[in-house]
Amino acid sequence: MRSLFIALASLSLLAACAATPEPKAEMKPAAKAEEKVATPAKVPQCYSGDAGKFFNAGEKAIVSGVAVTCVATADGKNASWVGVKK
């Protein structure tokens, strides 16, 4: 008797899942061109643990008592600290 009840419950659950319609294309919200936000261009940055923040390429800072400048690498995607020339 118990197995019959479990079988009927399983069949009714499967029938209920099969009866739900799939979402149609017109039901999905369309993305509007006005809502798209342009992401700003990524500026190469260097991190200073002493200051606890990032510096943009071209900015100067003092890291561990040494004057340095954040300089962009050749590919322009990253930056690194370079000692300031006197």
Protein backbone atom coordinates (compact mmCIF):
# COMPACT_ATOMS: atom_id res chain seq x y z
CA MET A 1 0.00 0.00 0.00
CA ARG A 2 2.82 2.37 0.87
CA SER A 3 4.63 1.71 -2.40
CA LEU A 4 1.42 2.42 -4.35
CA PHE A 5 1.07 5.77 -2.57
CA ILE A 6 4.71 6.68 -3.35
CA ALA A 7 4.27 5.70 -7.00
CA LEU A 8 1.11 7.83 -7.36
CA ALA A 9 2.80 10.80 -5.69
CA SER A 10 5.80 10.47 -8.01
CA LEU A 11 3.60 10.26 -11.10
CA SER A 12 1.56 13.29 -10.08
CA LEU A 13 4.75 15.27 -9.47
CA LEU A 14 6.13 14.33 -12.88
CA ALA A 15 2.84 15.22 -14.55
CA ALA A 16 2.80 18.63 -12.85
CA CYS A 17 6.36 19.38 -13.96
CA ALA A 18 5.63 18.31 -17.52
CA ALA A 19 2.55 20.56 -17.70
CA THR A 20 4.43 23.82 -16.94
CA PRO A 21 5.08 25.77 -20.14
CA GLU A 22 8.57 26.89 -21.09
CA PRO A 23 9.12 30.66 -21.20
CA LYS A 24 8.70 32.10 -24.66
CA ALA A 25 11.05 34.58 -26.25
CA GLU A 26 8.48 37.38 -26.12
CA MET A 27 8.05 36.84 -22.37
CA LYS A 28 11.70 37.67 -21.64
CA PRO A 29 12.52 41.34 -21.08
CA ALA A 30 14.47 42.89 -23.93
CA ALA A 31 17.68 44.76 -23.16
CA LYS A 32 17.48 48.40 -24.13
CA ALA A 33 20.38 50.15 -25.79
CA GLU A 34 19.95 53.17 -23.50
CA GLU A 35 20.45 51.06 -20.37
CA LYS A 36 23.88 49.81 -21.37
CA VAL A 37 26.55 51.63 -19.43
CA ALA A 38 29.95 52.06 -21.02
CA THR A 39 32.73 50.85 -18.75
CA PRO A 40 35.57 53.31 -18.34
CA ALA A 41 38.94 52.40 -19.80
CA LYS A 42 41.16 50.63 -17.31
CA VAL A 43 44.07 52.78 -16.23
CA PRO A 44 47.25 50.90 -15.28
CA GLN A 45 47.83 51.10 -11.53
CA CYS A 46 50.47 50.27 -8.93
CA TYR A 47 49.65 49.17 -5.37
CA SER A 48 51.39 50.65 -2.36
CA GLY A 49 51.15 48.61 0.80
CA ASP A 50 52.50 51.53 2.82
CA ALA A 51 49.67 53.81 1.72
CA GLY A 52 47.17 50.95 1.40
CA LYS A 53 45.84 52.11 -1.96
CA PHE A 54 46.39 52.02 -5.72
CA PHE A 55 48.16 54.77 -7.64
CA ASN A 56 47.48 55.53 -11.32
CA ALA A 57 50.34 55.45 -13.81
CA GLY A 58 52.34 58.68 -13.62
CA GLU A 59 51.76 59.34 -9.93
CA LYS A 60 54.65 59.57 -7.48
CA ALA A 61 54.82 58.07 -4.00
CA ILE A 62 57.26 57.07 -1.29
CA VAL A 63 57.39 53.31 -0.77
CA SER A 64 59.53 52.04 2.12
CA GLY A 65 61.32 55.38 2.26
CA VAL A 66 62.22 55.41 -1.45
CA ALA A 67 60.74 57.92 -3.90
CA VAL A 68 59.16 56.00 -6.79
CA THR A 69 56.91 56.66 -9.78
CA CYS A 70 54.19 54.39 -11.11
CA VAL A 71 55.08 53.75 -14.76
CA ALA A 72 52.95 51.86 -17.31
CA THR A 73 54.54 48.76 -18.85
CA ALA A 74 55.24 48.52 -22.59
CA ASP A 75 51.92 46.80 -23.36
CA GLY A 76 49.98 49.48 -21.46
CA LYS A 77 47.94 46.94 -19.50
CA ASN A 78 49.88 46.99 -16.23
CA ALA A 79 52.19 49.29 -14.30
CA SER A 80 55.12 48.92 -11.94
CA TRP A 81 57.09 51.04 -9.51
CA VAL A 82 60.27 52.66 -10.89
CA GLY A 83 62.74 54.66 -8.83
CA VAL A 84 62.71 58.42 -9.40
CA LYS A 85 65.78 59.66 -11.29
CA LYS A 86 67.42 62.80 -9.97
